[in-house]
Protein backbone atom coordinates (compact mmCIF):
# COMPACT_ATOMS: atom_id res chain seq x y z
CA PHE A 1 -0.20 -0.33 0.23
CA SER A 2 2.47 2.12 1.14
CA TYR A 3 4.04 1.47 -2.98
CA GLU A 4 1.01 2.51 -4.30
CA TRP A 5 0.70 6.33 -2.17
CA LYS A 6 4.73 7.19 -3.33
CA GLY A 7 4.21 5.87 -6.20
CA LEU A 8 0.89 8.86 -6.51
CA GLU A 9 2.64 11.01 -4.98
CA ILE A 10 5.26 10.92 -7.92
CA ALA A 11 3.23 11.00 -10.06
CA LYS A 12 0.90 13.97 -8.58
CA LYS A 13 4.64 16.11 -8.76
CA LEU A 14 5.36 15.10 -11.95
CA ALA A 15 2.07 16.33 -13.21
CA ASP A 16 2.68 19.86 -11.31
CA ASP A 17 6.05 20.13 -13.15
CA GLU A 18 4.81 19.82 -16.24
CA LYS A 19 1.74 21.91 -15.45
CA LYS A 20 3.84 24.29 -14.20
CA ASP A 21 6.93 24.30 -17.32
CA GLU A 22 3.10 24.40 -19.75
CA GLU A 23 2.49 28.15 -18.10
CA ARG A 24 5.63 29.52 -18.13
CA ALA A 25 6.31 28.68 -21.59
CA ASP A 26 3.08 30.45 -22.65
CA ARG A 27 4.46 33.51 -20.33
CA LEU A 28 7.57 33.54 -22.63
CA ILE A 29 6.20 32.73 -25.46
CA LYS A 30 3.92 36.10 -25.06
CA ASP A 31 6.62 38.12 -24.25
CA ALA A 32 8.66 36.67 -27.39
CA GLU A 33 5.14 38.23 -29.62
CA LYS A 34 6.45 41.93 -28.37
CA GLU A 35 9.46 41.99 -28.69
CA ARG A 36 9.45 39.68 -31.78
CA THR A 37 12.09 36.83 -30.37
CA TYR A 38 12.57 34.54 -28.42
CA THR A 39 14.18 35.60 -25.06
CA GLY A 40 15.80 32.63 -22.14
CA LYS A 41 17.10 33.85 -19.16
CA THR A 42 18.38 30.26 -17.98
CA VAL A 43 18.51 26.72 -19.60
CA GLU A 44 14.82 25.52 -18.12
CA ASP A 45 13.71 29.08 -20.16
CA LEU A 46 14.88 27.56 -23.39
CA TYR A 47 13.39 24.04 -22.38
CA VAL A 48 10.48 24.56 -21.76
CA ILE A 49 9.86 26.47 -25.20
CA ALA A 50 11.58 23.75 -26.73
CA LYS A 51 9.22 21.81 -25.54
CA LYS A 52 5.43 23.26 -26.00
CA LEU A 53 6.89 24.19 -29.89
CA GLY A 54 8.33 21.12 -30.67
CA LYS A 55 4.99 18.56 -30.14
CA GLY A 56 5.20 15.16 -31.03
CA ASN A 57 9.60 15.73 -31.66
CA THR A 58 12.08 13.99 -29.50
CA ILE A 59 15.44 16.24 -30.09
CA ALA A 60 15.41 19.91 -29.61
CA VAL A 61 18.63 21.55 -30.28
CA VAL A 62 18.05 25.82 -29.54
CA ARG A 63 20.50 28.08 -30.75
CA ILE A 64 21.63 31.36 -30.06
CA ILE A 65 22.35 34.97 -31.84
CA ASP A 66 25.52 36.34 -30.97
CA GLY A 67 25.77 33.14 -28.89
CA GLY A 68 30.00 31.88 -30.40
CA LYS A 69 30.38 28.61 -31.69
CA ASN A 70 29.59 27.14 -28.48
CA GLY A 71 26.18 29.02 -27.93
CA TYR A 72 23.00 26.50 -28.49
CA TYR A 73 22.12 23.75 -26.35
CA THR A 74 20.97 20.19 -27.59
CA PHE A 75 17.54 18.67 -25.06
CA ASP A 76 15.22 15.44 -25.05
CA ILE A 77 12.00 16.87 -24.94
CA THR A 78 10.47 13.69 -24.09
CA ARG A 79 11.79 13.56 -20.44
CA PRO A 80 12.65 15.96 -17.56
CA LEU A 81 15.00 18.72 -17.64
CA GLU A 82 18.22 17.67 -15.18
CA GLU A 83 18.20 19.44 -11.58
CA HIS A 84 21.45 20.47 -12.11
CA ARG A 85 21.07 22.33 -16.37
CA LYS A 86 18.02 24.73 -14.22
CA ASN A 87 19.28 27.33 -13.29
CA ILE A 88 22.74 27.47 -15.44
CA LYS A 89 22.55 31.26 -17.81
CA VAL A 90 22.24 31.59 -21.06
CA VAL A 91 25.20 32.92 -23.41
CA ALA A 92 24.90 36.60 -24.29
CA LYS A 93 21.64 38.30 -24.67
CA GLY A 94 19.57 35.09 -24.42
CA GLU A 95 17.76 35.82 -27.69
CA ILE A 96 17.25 32.10 -29.98
CA ASP A 97 18.28 32.14 -33.46
CA SER A 98 16.85 28.95 -34.07
CA ILE A 99 15.49 26.01 -33.39
CA THR A 100 15.34 22.50 -34.64
CA TRP A 101 13.69 19.58 -33.68
CA TYR A 102 14.79 15.72 -34.70
């Protein structure tokens, strides 16, 4: 019985995290409509934008304007973003140049 309870708690946490990601993506996309470019301050921002726009895809490569040769981020959008990557600052101004899905 306790295992079932733990499973329900984990499922609820994943659903709550998914809802938060969805709300965050909606806010970031709405902000981009004003400025005509998607912008993320953290890696998590880029992840939620790529996930929201890339329905049905599995891998997203996000390139940053003026990011240099290492100015890109790769995400597996079928899985939650790893905790250690969430608060990493994005290079340059964080403006997305392109997103490629695979």
